Amino acid sequence: MERLPRGARRLAAQLRTPIHQDRLWSVLTDYDRLSLFIPNLSISKVLERKDNRVRLRQVGIQQFIGLRFSAEVEIELVENREGGLLRFNLIKGDFRRFEGSWTMKALPNGEGTCLIYELTVQGCIGMPVSLIEQRLRHDLSVNLLAVEKAAC
């Protein structure tokens, strides 16, 4: 995790898995079903698809310090299947900044895939990311493992 100016955080997690890149890609791009296996993601819905660009609405729910916290975003994803890259950027939502990527790289000797999830997030006024940064760090790893499990 890296602390950036104005309360933003950049987080990254990596998973080495024996699962082939094509299978991981299929799971990650099944956008309407992501909420079935990504913990704390209650809604994931495709709003529009044009070529390799996808507009998506997502709602996440967290329990934090005994309170239920919900955040909604509309993001645009750019798919680069050949490069094994899904890049996303905030269009609108409950954050000032919410962007990142899923990157897949084949491991040597056909041993599987290295899956990397990167996220840069900056909360809106009244939602300091510093209060939830530990939870964000935990969720990054959990999300990677959830994708791997769904791909099995």
N, C-alpha and C. Protein backbone atom coordinates (compact mmCIF):
# COMPACT_ATOMS: atom_id res chain seq x y z
N MET A 1 0.84 -1.18 0.00
CA MET A 1 0.00 0.00 0.00
C MET A 1 0.89 1.24 0.00
N GLU A 2 0.49 2.21 -0.78
CA GLU A 2 1.24 3.46 -0.88
C GLU A 2 0.29 4.61 -0.57
N ARG A 3 0.72 5.53 0.28
CA ARG A 3 -0.07 6.72 0.59
C ARG A 3 0.26 7.81 -0.40
N LEU A 4 -0.77 8.36 -1.01
CA LEU A 4 -0.62 9.41 -2.01
C LEU A 4 -1.16 10.72 -1.44
N PRO A 5 -0.90 11.84 -2.10
CA PRO A 5 -1.42 13.13 -1.62
C PRO A 5 -2.94 13.15 -1.56
N ARG A 6 -3.47 14.01 -0.70
CA ARG A 6 -4.90 14.26 -0.52
C ARG A 6 -5.69 13.03 -0.12
N GLY A 7 -5.08 12.17 0.68
CA GLY A 7 -5.80 11.03 1.24
C GLY A 7 -6.02 9.86 0.30
N ALA A 8 -5.39 9.87 -0.85
CA ALA A 8 -5.54 8.75 -1.79
C ALA A 8 -4.62 7.61 -1.37
N ARG A 9 -4.99 6.40 -1.76
CA ARG A 9 -4.19 5.21 -1.48
C ARG A 9 -4.05 4.39 -2.75
N ARG A 10 -2.85 3.87 -2.97
CA ARG A 10 -2.61 2.94 -4.07
C ARG A 10 -2.27 1.60 -3.45
N LEU A 11 -3.03 0.59 -3.81
CA LEU A 11 -2.84 -0.75 -3.26
C LEU A 11 -2.62 -1.73 -4.40
N ALA A 12 -1.86 -2.77 -4.13
CA ALA A 12 -1.64 -3.81 -5.13
C ALA A 12 -1.47 -5.14 -4.43
N ALA A 13 -1.95 -6.19 -5.09
CA ALA A 13 -1.78 -7.55 -4.58
C ALA A 13 -1.53 -8.46 -5.78
N GLN A 14 -0.76 -9.51 -5.54
CA GLN A 14 -0.40 -10.43 -6.61
C GLN A 14 -0.67 -11.86 -6.17
N LEU A 15 -1.13 -12.66 -7.12
CA LEU A 15 -1.41 -14.07 -6.85
C LEU A 15 -0.81 -14.90 -7.98
N ARG A 16 -0.03 -15.91 -7.62
CA ARG A 16 0.48 -16.89 -8.58
C ARG A 16 -0.44 -18.10 -8.48
N THR A 17 -1.02 -18.47 -9.62
CA THR A 17 -2.01 -19.55 -9.62
C THR A 17 -1.74 -20.50 -10.78
N PRO A 18 -2.06 -21.78 -10.61
CA PRO A 18 -1.89 -22.72 -11.72
C PRO A 18 -2.96 -22.57 -12.80
N ILE A 19 -3.95 -21.73 -12.57
CA ILE A 19 -5.07 -21.55 -13.51
C ILE A 19 -4.61 -20.76 -14.73
N HIS A 20 -5.03 -21.23 -15.91
CA HIS A 20 -4.65 -20.60 -17.17
C HIS A 20 -5.28 -19.21 -17.30
N GLN A 21 -4.57 -18.33 -17.94
CA GLN A 21 -5.00 -16.94 -18.13
C GLN A 21 -6.37 -16.83 -18.80
N ASP A 22 -6.67 -17.68 -19.76
CA ASP A 22 -7.96 -17.62 -20.46
C ASP A 22 -9.13 -17.85 -19.50
N ARG A 23 -8.95 -18.75 -18.56
CA ARG A 23 -10.02 -19.05 -17.59
C ARG A 23 -10.21 -17.86 -16.65
N LEU A 24 -9.12 -17.26 -16.19
CA LEU A 24 -9.20 -16.08 -15.31
C LEU A 24 -9.89 -14.93 -16.05
N TRP A 25 -9.53 -14.74 -17.31
CA TRP A 25 -10.14 -13.69 -18.12
C TRP A 25 -11.66 -13.88 -18.21
N SER A 26 -12.08 -15.12 -18.44
CA SER A 26 -13.51 -15.41 -18.54
C SER A 26 -14.25 -15.06 -17.26
N VAL A 27 -13.65 -15.35 -16.13
CA VAL A 27 -14.27 -15.04 -14.84
C VAL A 27 -14.33 -13.53 -14.63
N LEU A 28 -13.23 -12.84 -14.86
CA LEU A 28 -13.17 -11.40 -14.61
C LEU A 28 -14.06 -10.59 -15.54
N THR A 29 -14.32 -11.09 -16.73
CA THR A 29 -15.14 -10.34 -17.68
C THR A 29 -16.60 -10.78 -17.69
N ASP A 30 -16.97 -11.65 -16.79
CA ASP A 30 -18.37 -12.02 -16.61
C ASP A 30 -18.97 -11.03 -15.61
N TYR A 31 -19.02 -9.76 -16.01
CA TYR A 31 -19.29 -8.64 -15.12
C TYR A 31 -20.61 -8.77 -14.34
N ASP A 32 -21.65 -9.24 -14.99
CA ASP A 32 -22.94 -9.33 -14.31
C ASP A 32 -22.96 -10.40 -13.22
N ARG A 33 -21.97 -11.28 -13.20
CA ARG A 33 -21.92 -12.35 -12.19
C ARG A 33 -20.84 -12.12 -11.13
N LEU A 34 -20.08 -11.05 -11.22
CA LEU A 34 -19.00 -10.81 -10.25
C LEU A 34 -19.50 -10.77 -8.81
N SER A 35 -20.69 -10.22 -8.61
CA SER A 35 -21.22 -10.10 -7.25
C SER A 35 -21.58 -11.46 -6.64
N LEU A 36 -21.61 -12.50 -7.45
CA LEU A 36 -21.90 -13.83 -6.92
C LEU A 36 -20.72 -14.43 -6.15
N PHE A 37 -19.51 -13.97 -6.44
CA PHE A 37 -18.35 -14.56 -5.77
C PHE A 37 -17.36 -13.56 -5.18
N ILE A 38 -17.46 -12.30 -5.52
CA ILE A 38 -16.59 -11.29 -4.91
C ILE A 38 -17.24 -10.85 -3.60
N PRO A 39 -16.59 -11.13 -2.47
CA PRO A 39 -17.17 -10.74 -1.18
C PRO A 39 -17.41 -9.22 -1.12
N ASN A 40 -18.46 -8.84 -0.51
CA ASN A 40 -18.83 -7.43 -0.27
C ASN A 40 -19.22 -6.68 -1.53
N LEU A 41 -19.33 -7.35 -2.67
CA LEU A 41 -19.83 -6.72 -3.88
C LEU A 41 -21.28 -7.18 -4.04
N SER A 42 -22.23 -6.26 -3.82
CA SER A 42 -23.63 -6.67 -3.84
C SER A 42 -24.27 -6.55 -5.22
N ILE A 43 -23.76 -5.63 -6.05
CA ILE A 43 -24.30 -5.44 -7.40
C ILE A 43 -23.15 -5.22 -8.37
N SER A 44 -23.24 -5.88 -9.50
CA SER A 44 -22.33 -5.64 -10.61
C SER A 44 -23.15 -5.81 -11.88
N LYS A 45 -23.33 -4.71 -12.62
CA LYS A 45 -24.24 -4.74 -13.78
C LYS A 45 -23.65 -3.96 -14.95
N VAL A 46 -23.64 -4.61 -16.11
CA VAL A 46 -23.20 -3.95 -17.33
C VAL A 46 -24.25 -2.93 -17.75
N LEU A 47 -23.84 -1.68 -17.95
CA LEU A 47 -24.74 -0.63 -18.41
C LEU A 47 -24.64 -0.43 -19.92
N GLU A 48 -23.43 -0.64 -20.45
CA GLU A 48 -23.21 -0.44 -21.89
C GLU A 48 -21.92 -1.14 -22.28
N ARG A 49 -21.92 -1.67 -23.50
CA ARG A 49 -20.71 -2.29 -24.05
C ARG A 49 -20.52 -1.76 -25.47
N LYS A 50 -19.31 -1.27 -25.75
CA LYS A 50 -18.94 -0.81 -27.08
C LYS A 50 -17.53 -1.30 -27.37
N ASP A 51 -17.43 -2.25 -28.30
CA ASP A 51 -16.14 -2.85 -28.63
C ASP A 51 -15.45 -3.36 -27.37
N ASN A 52 -14.28 -2.81 -27.05
CA ASN A 52 -13.53 -3.28 -25.87
C ASN A 52 -13.76 -2.39 -24.64
N ARG A 53 -14.78 -1.55 -24.67
CA ARG A 53 -15.10 -0.67 -23.55
C ARG A 53 -16.43 -1.09 -22.93
N VAL A 54 -16.44 -1.16 -21.60
CA VAL A 54 -17.63 -1.59 -20.88
C VAL A 54 -17.91 -0.60 -19.76
N ARG A 55 -19.14 -0.09 -19.70
CA ARG A 55 -19.58 0.73 -18.57
C ARG A 55 -20.28 -0.17 -17.59
N LEU A 56 -19.91 -0.06 -16.34
CA LEU A 56 -20.37 -0.99 -15.32
C LEU A 56 -20.79 -0.23 -14.07
N ARG A 57 -21.89 -0.67 -13.47
CA ARG A 57 -22.33 -0.13 -12.17
C ARG A 57 -22.05 -1.19 -11.12
N GLN A 58 -21.38 -0.77 -10.05
CA GLN A 58 -21.10 -1.69 -8.96
C GLN A 58 -21.44 -1.03 -7.62
N VAL A 59 -21.94 -1.86 -6.71
CA VAL A 59 -22.24 -1.41 -5.35
C VAL A 59 -21.55 -2.37 -4.40
N GLY A 60 -20.76 -1.81 -3.51
CA GLY A 60 -20.08 -2.60 -2.49
C GLY A 60 -20.66 -2.29 -1.12
N ILE A 61 -20.70 -3.31 -0.27
CA ILE A 61 -21.21 -3.14 1.09
C ILE A 61 -20.20 -3.71 2.07
N GLN A 62 -19.92 -2.95 3.13
CA GLN A 62 -18.96 -3.35 4.16
C GLN A 62 -19.57 -3.18 5.54
N GLN A 63 -19.19 -4.02 6.44
CA GLN A 63 -19.46 -3.81 7.86
C GLN A 63 -18.16 -3.23 8.43
N PHE A 64 -18.26 -2.07 9.05
CA PHE A 64 -17.06 -1.39 9.56
C PHE A 64 -17.40 -0.71 10.87
N ILE A 65 -16.72 -1.10 11.91
CA ILE A 65 -16.94 -0.56 13.25
C ILE A 65 -18.43 -0.62 13.63
N GLY A 66 -19.06 -1.74 13.32
CA GLY A 66 -20.46 -1.93 13.67
C GLY A 66 -21.45 -1.20 12.78
N LEU A 67 -20.97 -0.49 11.78
CA LEU A 67 -21.84 0.24 10.86
C LEU A 67 -21.81 -0.41 9.49
N ARG A 68 -22.91 -0.30 8.79
CA ARG A 68 -22.99 -0.82 7.42
C ARG A 68 -22.66 0.33 6.47
N PHE A 69 -21.66 0.13 5.66
CA PHE A 69 -21.16 1.15 4.75
C PHE A 69 -21.39 0.67 3.32
N SER A 70 -21.98 1.52 2.50
CA SER A 70 -22.25 1.18 1.10
C SER A 70 -21.62 2.23 0.20
N ALA A 71 -21.04 1.78 -0.90
CA ALA A 71 -20.45 2.70 -1.87
C ALA A 71 -20.83 2.23 -3.27
N GLU A 72 -21.19 3.18 -4.10
CA GLU A 72 -21.59 2.88 -5.48
C GLU A 72 -20.66 3.59 -6.44
N VAL A 73 -20.31 2.89 -7.53
CA VAL A 73 -19.49 3.50 -8.57
C VAL A 73 -20.03 3.11 -9.94
N GLU A 74 -19.81 4.00 -10.87
CA GLU A 74 -19.98 3.68 -12.28
C GLU A 74 -18.58 3.80 -12.88
N ILE A 75 -18.11 2.71 -13.46
CA ILE A 75 -16.75 2.69 -13.99
C ILE A 75 -16.76 2.32 -15.46
N GLU A 76 -15.70 2.70 -16.14
CA GLU A 76 -15.48 2.25 -17.51
C GLU A 76 -14.28 1.33 -17.50
N LEU A 77 -14.46 0.15 -18.05
CA LEU A 77 -13.38 -0.81 -18.19
C LEU A 77 -12.93 -0.84 -19.64
N VAL A 78 -11.63 -0.95 -19.83
CA VAL A 78 -11.07 -1.14 -21.16
C VAL A 78 -10.40 -2.51 -21.16
N GLU A 79 -10.89 -3.37 -22.05
CA GLU A 79 -10.39 -4.74 -22.13
C GLU A 79 -9.28 -4.84 -23.17
N ASN A 80 -8.17 -5.42 -22.78
CA ASN A 80 -7.07 -5.72 -23.69
C ASN A 80 -6.74 -7.20 -23.48
N ARG A 81 -7.51 -8.04 -24.14
CA ARG A 81 -7.38 -9.49 -23.92
C ARG A 81 -5.99 -10.00 -24.28
N GLU A 82 -5.47 -9.57 -25.42
CA GLU A 82 -4.15 -10.05 -25.85
C GLU A 82 -3.06 -9.66 -24.86
N GLY A 83 -3.21 -8.49 -24.26
CA GLY A 83 -2.23 -8.04 -23.26
C GLY A 83 -2.54 -8.52 -21.85
N GLY A 84 -3.68 -9.21 -21.68
CA GLY A 84 -4.06 -9.71 -20.37
C GLY A 84 -4.33 -8.59 -19.38
N LEU A 85 -4.95 -7.51 -19.86
CA LEU A 85 -5.13 -6.32 -19.03
C LEU A 85 -6.57 -5.83 -19.08
N LEU A 86 -7.15 -5.62 -17.89
CA LEU A 86 -8.44 -4.97 -17.71
C LEU A 86 -8.18 -3.70 -16.89
N ARG A 87 -8.34 -2.56 -17.50
CA ARG A 87 -8.09 -1.30 -16.81
C ARG A 87 -9.43 -0.62 -16.56
N PHE A 88 -9.62 -0.06 -15.35
CA PHE A 88 -10.89 0.60 -15.05
C PHE A 88 -10.66 1.99 -14.46
N ASN A 89 -11.62 2.88 -14.75
CA ASN A 89 -11.59 4.26 -14.27
C ASN A 89 -12.99 4.67 -13.84
N LEU A 90 -13.04 5.51 -12.83
CA LEU A 90 -14.29 6.04 -12.32
C LEU A 90 -14.93 7.00 -13.31
N ILE A 91 -16.22 6.81 -13.56
CA ILE A 91 -17.02 7.78 -14.31
C ILE A 91 -17.72 8.68 -13.30
N LYS A 92 -18.40 8.04 -12.34
CA LYS A 92 -19.04 8.78 -11.25
C LYS A 92 -19.27 7.82 -10.10
N GLY A 93 -19.49 8.39 -8.92
CA GLY A 93 -19.76 7.53 -7.78
C GLY A 93 -19.38 8.15 -6.45
N ASP A 94 -19.26 7.30 -5.45
CA ASP A 94 -19.05 7.73 -4.08
C ASP A 94 -17.58 7.93 -3.71
N PHE A 95 -16.73 8.03 -4.70
CA PHE A 95 -15.31 8.28 -4.49
C PHE A 95 -14.88 9.45 -5.36
N ARG A 96 -13.82 10.13 -4.94
CA ARG A 96 -13.24 11.14 -5.81
C ARG A 96 -12.36 10.48 -6.86
N ARG A 97 -11.78 9.35 -6.45
CA ARG A 97 -10.89 8.62 -7.36
C ARG A 97 -11.07 7.12 -7.10
N PHE A 98 -11.23 6.36 -8.16
CA PHE A 98 -11.38 4.91 -8.07
C PHE A 98 -10.95 4.36 -9.42
N GLU A 99 -9.73 3.86 -9.48
CA GLU A 99 -9.17 3.38 -10.75
C GLU A 99 -8.16 2.28 -10.47
N GLY A 100 -7.95 1.47 -11.47
CA GLY A 100 -6.98 0.40 -11.29
C GLY A 100 -6.99 -0.56 -12.44
N SER A 101 -6.50 -1.78 -12.17
CA SER A 101 -6.41 -2.76 -13.23
C SER A 101 -6.29 -4.17 -12.67
N TRP A 102 -6.64 -5.11 -13.52
CA TRP A 102 -6.36 -6.53 -13.33
C TRP A 102 -5.39 -6.88 -14.45
N THR A 103 -4.26 -7.45 -14.10
CA THR A 103 -3.24 -7.83 -15.08
C THR A 103 -2.95 -9.31 -14.95
N MET A 104 -2.90 -10.00 -16.09
CA MET A 104 -2.60 -11.43 -16.11
C MET A 104 -1.38 -11.67 -16.98
N LYS A 105 -0.40 -12.39 -16.40
CA LYS A 105 0.82 -12.73 -17.14
C LYS A 105 1.08 -14.22 -16.98
N ALA A 106 1.39 -14.87 -18.09
CA ALA A 106 1.69 -16.30 -18.04
C ALA A 106 2.99 -16.52 -17.27
N LEU A 107 2.99 -17.54 -16.42
CA LEU A 107 4.20 -17.94 -15.69
C LEU A 107 5.08 -18.78 -16.62
N PRO A 108 6.38 -18.80 -16.37
CA PRO A 108 7.28 -19.58 -17.22
C PRO A 108 6.90 -21.07 -17.23
N ASN A 109 7.23 -21.72 -18.34
CA ASN A 109 7.02 -23.16 -18.51
C ASN A 109 5.56 -23.58 -18.37
N GLY A 110 4.62 -22.67 -18.68
CA GLY A 110 3.21 -23.01 -18.63
C GLY A 110 2.71 -23.40 -17.25
N GLU A 111 3.34 -22.86 -16.22
CA GLU A 111 2.99 -23.20 -14.84
C GLU A 111 1.74 -22.51 -14.32
N GLY A 112 1.15 -21.66 -15.13
CA GLY A 112 -0.06 -20.95 -14.69
C GLY A 112 0.04 -19.48 -15.00
N THR A 113 -0.53 -18.68 -14.10
CA THR A 113 -0.68 -17.24 -14.34
C THR A 113 -0.33 -16.44 -13.09
N CYS A 114 0.25 -15.29 -13.31
CA CYS A 114 0.43 -14.30 -12.25
C CYS A 114 -0.69 -13.29 -12.43
N LEU A 115 -1.56 -13.17 -11.43
CA LEU A 115 -2.70 -12.25 -11.47
C LEU A 115 -2.42 -11.10 -10.51
N ILE A 116 -2.45 -9.89 -11.04
CA ILE A 116 -2.16 -8.70 -10.24
C ILE A 116 -3.38 -7.78 -10.24
N TYR A 117 -3.78 -7.35 -9.05
CA TYR A 117 -4.90 -6.42 -8.90
C TYR A 117 -4.34 -5.15 -8.29
N GLU A 118 -4.54 -4.02 -8.98
CA GLU A 118 -4.09 -2.72 -8.49
C GLU A 118 -5.28 -1.80 -8.37
N LEU A 119 -5.29 -1.00 -7.31
CA LEU A 119 -6.39 -0.07 -7.06
C LEU A 119 -5.84 1.22 -6.48
N THR A 120 -6.27 2.34 -7.04
CA THR A 120 -6.02 3.65 -6.46
C THR A 120 -7.37 4.22 -6.09
N VAL A 121 -7.52 4.60 -4.83
CA VAL A 121 -8.81 5.05 -4.33
C VAL A 121 -8.63 6.31 -3.48
N GLN A 122 -9.58 7.21 -3.61
CA GLN A 122 -9.61 8.44 -2.80
C GLN A 122 -11.05 8.69 -2.43
N GLY A 123 -11.32 8.75 -1.14
CA GLY A 123 -12.68 8.94 -0.66
C GLY A 123 -13.18 10.36 -0.87
N CYS A 124 -14.48 10.49 -0.86
CA CYS A 124 -15.10 11.81 -0.91
C CYS A 124 -15.03 12.46 0.47
N ILE A 125 -15.38 13.71 0.53
CA ILE A 125 -15.41 14.41 1.81
C ILE A 125 -16.36 13.66 2.74
N GLY A 126 -15.92 13.43 3.95
CA GLY A 126 -16.71 12.70 4.91
C GLY A 126 -16.45 11.20 4.90
N MET A 127 -15.62 10.74 3.96
CA MET A 127 -15.27 9.33 3.90
C MET A 127 -13.74 9.23 3.77
N PRO A 128 -13.03 9.45 4.86
CA PRO A 128 -11.57 9.38 4.78
C PRO A 128 -11.10 7.95 4.57
N VAL A 129 -10.35 7.72 3.49
CA VAL A 129 -9.86 6.40 3.15
C VAL A 129 -8.93 5.88 4.24
N SER A 130 -8.28 6.79 4.97
CA SER A 130 -7.35 6.36 6.02
C SER A 130 -8.04 5.49 7.08
N LEU A 131 -9.33 5.72 7.30
CA LEU A 131 -10.06 4.92 8.28
C LEU A 131 -10.33 3.50 7.80
N ILE A 132 -10.40 3.31 6.49
CA ILE A 132 -10.73 1.98 5.97
C ILE A 132 -9.58 1.33 5.20
N GLU A 133 -8.39 1.92 5.28
CA GLU A 133 -7.29 1.40 4.48
C GLU A 133 -6.92 -0.04 4.84
N GLN A 134 -7.00 -0.42 6.09
CA GLN A 134 -6.71 -1.81 6.47
C GLN A 134 -7.72 -2.75 5.83
N ARG A 135 -8.97 -2.33 5.82
CA ARG A 135 -10.02 -3.15 5.20
C ARG A 135 -9.79 -3.27 3.70
N LEU A 136 -9.40 -2.16 3.05
CA LEU A 136 -9.11 -2.18 1.62
C LEU A 136 -7.97 -3.15 1.31
N ARG A 137 -6.95 -3.11 2.11
CA ARG A 137 -5.79 -3.99 1.92
C ARG A 137 -6.22 -5.46 2.03
N HIS A 138 -7.02 -5.76 3.02
CA HIS A 138 -7.52 -7.11 3.21
C HIS A 138 -8.39 -7.54 2.04
N ASP A 139 -9.29 -6.66 1.60
CA ASP A 139 -10.21 -6.99 0.52
C ASP A 139 -9.50 -7.26 -0.81
N LEU A 140 -8.38 -6.59 -1.05
CA LEU A 140 -7.64 -6.81 -2.29
C LEU A 140 -7.21 -8.28 -2.38
N SER A 141 -6.65 -8.80 -1.32
CA SER A 141 -6.22 -10.20 -1.29
C SER A 141 -7.41 -11.15 -1.39
N VAL A 142 -8.45 -10.84 -0.64
CA VAL A 142 -9.65 -11.68 -0.66
C VAL A 142 -10.25 -11.73 -2.06
N ASN A 143 -10.27 -10.60 -2.77
CA ASN A 143 -10.82 -10.55 -4.12
C ASN A 143 -10.01 -11.42 -5.08
N LEU A 144 -8.70 -11.38 -4.96
CA LEU A 144 -7.86 -12.23 -5.81
C LEU A 144 -8.16 -13.71 -5.58
N LEU A 145 -8.26 -14.09 -4.33
CA LEU A 145 -8.55 -15.49 -4.00
C LEU A 145 -9.94 -15.89 -4.46
N ALA A 146 -10.89 -14.98 -4.40
CA ALA A 146 -12.25 -15.26 -4.85
C ALA A 146 -12.28 -15.49 -6.37
N VAL A 147 -11.52 -14.73 -7.11
CA VAL A 147 -11.43 -14.91 -8.56
C VAL A 147 -10.81 -16.27 -8.87
N GLU A 148 -9.75 -16.60 -8.15
CA GLU A 148 -9.10 -17.90 -8.37
C GLU A 148 -10.08 -19.05 -8.09
N LYS A 149 -10.80 -18.95 -6.99
CA LYS A 149 -11.75 -20.00 -6.63
C LYS A 149 -12.86 -20.14 -7.68
N ALA A 150 -13.36 -19.00 -8.18
CA ALA A 150 -14.41 -19.03 -9.19
C ALA A 150 -13.91 -19.62 -10.51
N ALA A 151 -12.61 -19.50 -10.77
CA ALA A 151 -12.03 -20.01 -12.01
C ALA A 151 -11.73 -21.51 -11.96
N CYS A 152 -11.77 -22.08 -10.77
CA CYS A 152 -11.48 -23.52 -10.64
C CYS A 152 -12.55 -24.39 -11.23
